[in-house]
């Protein structure tokens, strides 16, 4: 896979995520699978809005840079884990989008509230709680166990942290991140309306 081309696509998706309000500041991370054992991932402390080619680091699945300089995202090992347990995943978008993060604070499963979300997300979105800002490796098996219950699901939430969306391409991973955000907004508005009726 062409690394330079994938960096250009990563920049494009980062800009779109930023413009659409899915991620502000220098939080969140994004990656794409390059080979059976490598991925490109956003560097630590780099914003989606201003990321450039040099801000994406080629690493192996142990989180070690292959030939790039810089420090990969603190969620690097989680991205690698997801690629290893789900061969269908080719790209991952992790962002702290407001509606999905608000829903995650409830600790509840996010229901696919529309026909579109049922069609695209392949199941209700689980909310997991690692009680940590950065997901520790000790928590990875619990994520794997949850995903094994719904082997085709396209994302999950981390309580008070944000969402992880994934798919077979960078563009589709971003679309799934947008859809999870929209689904959380609809679910929260629906809950508010029901409480007032």
Protein backbone atom coordinates (compact mmCIF):
# COMPACT_ATOMS: atom_id res chain seq x y z
CA UNK A 1 0.00 0.00 0.00
CA UNK A 2 1.29 3.46 -0.91
CA UNK A 3 2.26 5.16 2.37
CA UNK A 4 2.34 8.70 0.94
CA UNK A 5 -1.13 8.29 -0.57
CA UNK A 6 -2.49 6.99 2.73
CA UNK A 7 -0.99 9.99 4.54
CA UNK A 8 -2.84 12.29 2.14
CA UNK A 9 -6.08 10.43 2.82
CA UNK A 10 -5.46 10.60 6.58
CA UNK A 11 -5.02 14.38 6.34
CA UNK A 12 -8.25 14.68 4.34
CA UNK A 13 -10.23 12.64 6.87
CA UNK A 14 -8.69 14.53 9.80
CA UNK A 15 -9.75 17.85 8.26
CA UNK A 16 -13.27 16.55 7.68
CA UNK A 17 -13.54 15.30 11.26
CA UNK A 18 -12.36 18.67 12.52
CA UNK A 19 -14.72 20.70 10.31
CA UNK A 20 -17.66 18.53 11.32
CA UNK A 21 -16.98 18.97 15.02
CA UNK A 22 -16.04 15.38 15.76
CA UNK A 23 -12.72 16.38 17.34
CA UNK A 24 -11.25 19.63 18.65
CA UNK A 25 -7.87 20.39 20.16
CA UNK A 26 -5.10 17.81 19.93
CA UNK A 27 -7.07 14.83 21.23
CA UNK A 28 -8.30 11.78 19.38
CA UNK A 29 -6.37 9.61 16.97
CA UNK A 30 -6.75 8.00 13.58
CA UNK A 31 -4.98 5.15 11.80
CA UNK A 32 -4.99 3.02 8.68
CA UNK A 33 -3.69 -0.50 8.17
CA UNK A 34 -0.71 -0.60 5.79
CA UNK A 35 0.18 -4.31 5.89
CA UNK A 36 -0.44 -7.42 7.96
CA UNK A 37 1.90 -6.06 10.62
CA UNK A 38 2.06 -2.26 10.19
CA UNK A 39 -0.16 0.81 10.37
CA UNK A 40 0.03 4.57 9.99
CA UNK A 41 -1.20 6.42 13.09
CA UNK A 42 -1.42 10.06 14.13
CA UNK A 43 1.41 11.30 16.31
CA UNK A 44 0.78 12.22 19.92
CA UNK A 45 -0.23 15.86 20.62
CA UNK A 46 -1.15 16.53 16.98
CA UNK A 47 -4.51 18.05 16.14
CA UNK A 48 -6.85 16.77 13.44
CA UNK A 49 -7.13 20.34 12.17
CA UNK A 50 -3.43 20.96 11.57
CA UNK A 51 -2.01 17.47 10.95
CA UNK A 52 0.46 17.18 8.06
CA UNK A 53 2.22 14.20 6.48
CA UNK A 54 5.05 14.23 9.02
CA UNK A 55 2.48 13.87 11.82
CA UNK A 56 1.63 10.28 10.84
CA UNK A 57 3.95 7.55 12.04
CA UNK A 58 4.41 4.11 10.53
CA UNK A 59 4.56 1.59 13.37
CA UNK A 60 4.42 -2.13 13.82
CA UNK A 61 1.70 -3.75 15.91
CA UNK A 62 3.87 -3.48 19.01
CA UNK A 63 3.75 0.30 18.71
CA UNK A 64 7.34 0.65 17.55
CA UNK A 65 8.08 3.16 14.75
CA UNK A 66 9.34 1.41 11.62
CA UNK A 67 11.31 4.29 10.12
CA UNK A 68 9.37 7.37 11.21
CA UNK A 69 10.38 9.89 13.84
CA UNK A 70 8.08 11.13 16.59
CA UNK A 71 5.88 9.58 19.21
CA UNK A 72 2.78 7.66 18.10
CA UNK A 73 -0.59 8.24 19.76
CA UNK A 74 -1.03 6.84 23.25
CA UNK A 75 -3.82 4.62 21.84
CA UNK A 76 -1.41 3.03 19.36
CA UNK A 77 -1.52 -0.41 20.97
CA UNK A 78 -5.32 -0.42 21.06
CA UNK A 79 -5.46 0.33 17.34
CA UNK A 80 -2.99 -2.51 16.74
CA UNK A 81 -5.08 -4.86 18.87
CA UNK A 82 -8.24 -4.05 16.91
CA UNK A 83 -6.46 -4.69 13.61
CA UNK A 84 -5.26 -8.05 14.89
CA UNK A 85 -8.60 -9.31 16.17
CA UNK A 86 -10.65 -7.94 13.28
CA UNK A 87 -8.96 -8.56 9.90
CA UNK A 88 -11.85 -6.73 8.21
CA UNK A 89 -10.88 -3.44 9.88
CA UNK A 90 -8.70 -1.31 7.62
CA UNK A 91 -9.04 2.08 9.35
CA UNK A 92 -9.94 3.45 12.78
CA UNK A 93 -11.18 6.87 13.87
CA UNK A 94 -11.13 7.62 17.59
CA UNK A 95 -12.61 10.97 18.56
CA UNK A 96 -14.13 12.73 21.55
CA UNK A 97 -17.26 13.82 19.67
CA UNK A 98 -19.69 15.63 22.03
CA UNK A 99 -22.94 13.69 21.62
CA UNK A 100 -21.32 10.24 21.64
CA UNK A 101 -19.19 11.18 24.64
CA UNK A 102 -22.27 12.52 26.43
CA UNK A 103 -24.10 9.27 25.78
CA UNK A 104 -21.09 7.26 26.93
CA UNK A 105 -21.30 8.93 30.34
CA UNK A 106 -24.55 7.02 30.93
CA UNK A 107 -22.71 3.72 30.63
CA UNK A 108 -25.55 2.38 28.49
CA UNK A 109 -25.52 0.67 25.13
CA UNK A 110 -26.20 3.18 22.34
CA UNK A 111 -29.24 1.89 20.42
CA UNK A 112 -29.26 2.18 16.66
CA UNK A 113 -32.24 4.52 16.61
CA UNK A 114 -32.69 4.91 12.85
CA UNK A 115 -33.00 2.60 9.87
CA UNK A 116 -29.75 4.06 8.52
CA UNK A 117 -27.78 3.27 11.69
CA UNK A 118 -29.19 -0.26 11.78
CA UNK A 119 -28.06 -0.76 8.19
CA UNK A 120 -24.56 0.75 8.53
CA UNK A 121 -23.40 0.04 12.10
CA UNK A 122 -24.43 -3.65 12.21
CA UNK A 123 -25.70 -3.58 15.79
CA UNK A 124 -26.16 -1.47 18.89
CA UNK A 125 -23.00 0.28 20.03
CA UNK A 126 -21.63 -0.98 23.36
CA UNK A 127 -20.28 1.37 26.02
CA UNK A 128 -17.23 0.08 27.89
CA UNK A 129 -15.56 1.54 30.96
CA UNK A 130 -11.82 1.22 31.49
CA UNK A 131 -11.91 3.89 34.26
CA UNK A 132 -8.96 5.49 32.53
CA UNK A 133 -8.26 8.32 30.10
CA UNK A 134 -6.01 6.08 28.03
CA UNK A 135 -7.27 2.52 27.58
CA UNK A 136 -4.77 0.17 29.32
CA UNK A 137 -3.61 -3.05 27.70
CA UNK A 138 -5.16 -5.02 30.57
CA UNK A 139 -8.57 -3.87 29.30
CA UNK A 140 -8.05 -5.03 25.71
CA UNK A 141 -9.41 -8.57 26.26
CA UNK A 142 -12.68 -7.12 27.55
CA UNK A 143 -12.98 -5.08 24.35
CA UNK A 144 -12.22 -8.21 22.34
CA UNK A 145 -14.86 -10.19 24.22
CA UNK A 146 -17.47 -7.49 23.59
CA UNK A 147 -16.66 -7.29 19.90
CA UNK A 148 -16.81 -11.07 19.56
CA UNK A 149 -20.48 -10.88 20.57
CA UNK A 150 -21.13 -8.67 17.54
CA UNK A 151 -18.38 -9.60 15.07
CA UNK A 152 -19.52 -7.14 12.39
CA UNK A 153 -20.19 -4.08 14.57
CA UNK A 154 -18.53 -0.87 13.37
CA UNK A 155 -17.64 0.86 16.64
CA UNK A 156 -17.86 1.17 20.40
CA UNK A 157 -17.88 3.88 23.07
CA UNK A 158 -15.54 4.32 26.01
CA UNK A 159 -17.27 5.83 29.04
CA UNK A 160 -16.46 9.54 29.49
CA UNK A 161 -13.84 9.19 26.78
CA UNK A 162 -15.31 9.07 23.30
CA UNK A 163 -15.93 6.75 20.39
CA UNK A 164 -13.95 4.31 18.28
CA UNK A 165 -15.32 3.86 14.77
CA UNK A 166 -13.84 1.56 12.15
CA UNK A 167 -14.44 0.16 8.71
CA UNK A 168 -12.90 -1.18 5.52
CA UNK A 169 -11.57 2.25 4.46
CA UNK A 170 -10.64 5.60 5.96
CA UNK A 171 -13.62 7.31 4.35
CA UNK A 172 -16.06 4.72 5.67
CA UNK A 173 -14.51 4.83 9.15
CA UNK A 174 -15.16 8.59 9.18
CA UNK A 175 -18.72 8.02 7.95
CA UNK A 176 -19.25 5.56 10.81
CA UNK A 177 -17.85 8.08 13.31
CA UNK A 178 -20.30 10.66 11.97
CA UNK A 179 -23.14 8.15 12.16
CA UNK A 180 -22.33 7.14 15.74
CA UNK A 181 -22.33 10.84 16.66
CA UNK A 182 -25.66 11.41 14.91
CA UNK A 183 -27.13 8.28 16.52
CA UNK A 184 -26.09 9.47 19.99
CA UNK A 185 -27.64 12.88 19.34
CA UNK A 186 -30.92 11.30 18.24
CA UNK A 187 -30.94 8.91 21.20
CA UNK A 188 -30.36 11.73 23.70
CA UNK A 189 -33.02 13.94 22.11
CA UNK A 190 -35.44 11.02 22.04
CA UNK A 191 -34.81 10.37 25.74
CA UNK A 192 -35.40 14.07 26.50
CA UNK A 193 -38.64 14.13 24.52
CA UNK A 194 -39.94 10.97 26.19
CA UNK A 195 -39.24 12.48 29.62
CA UNK A 196 -41.37 15.50 28.73
CA UNK A 197 -44.33 13.73 27.11
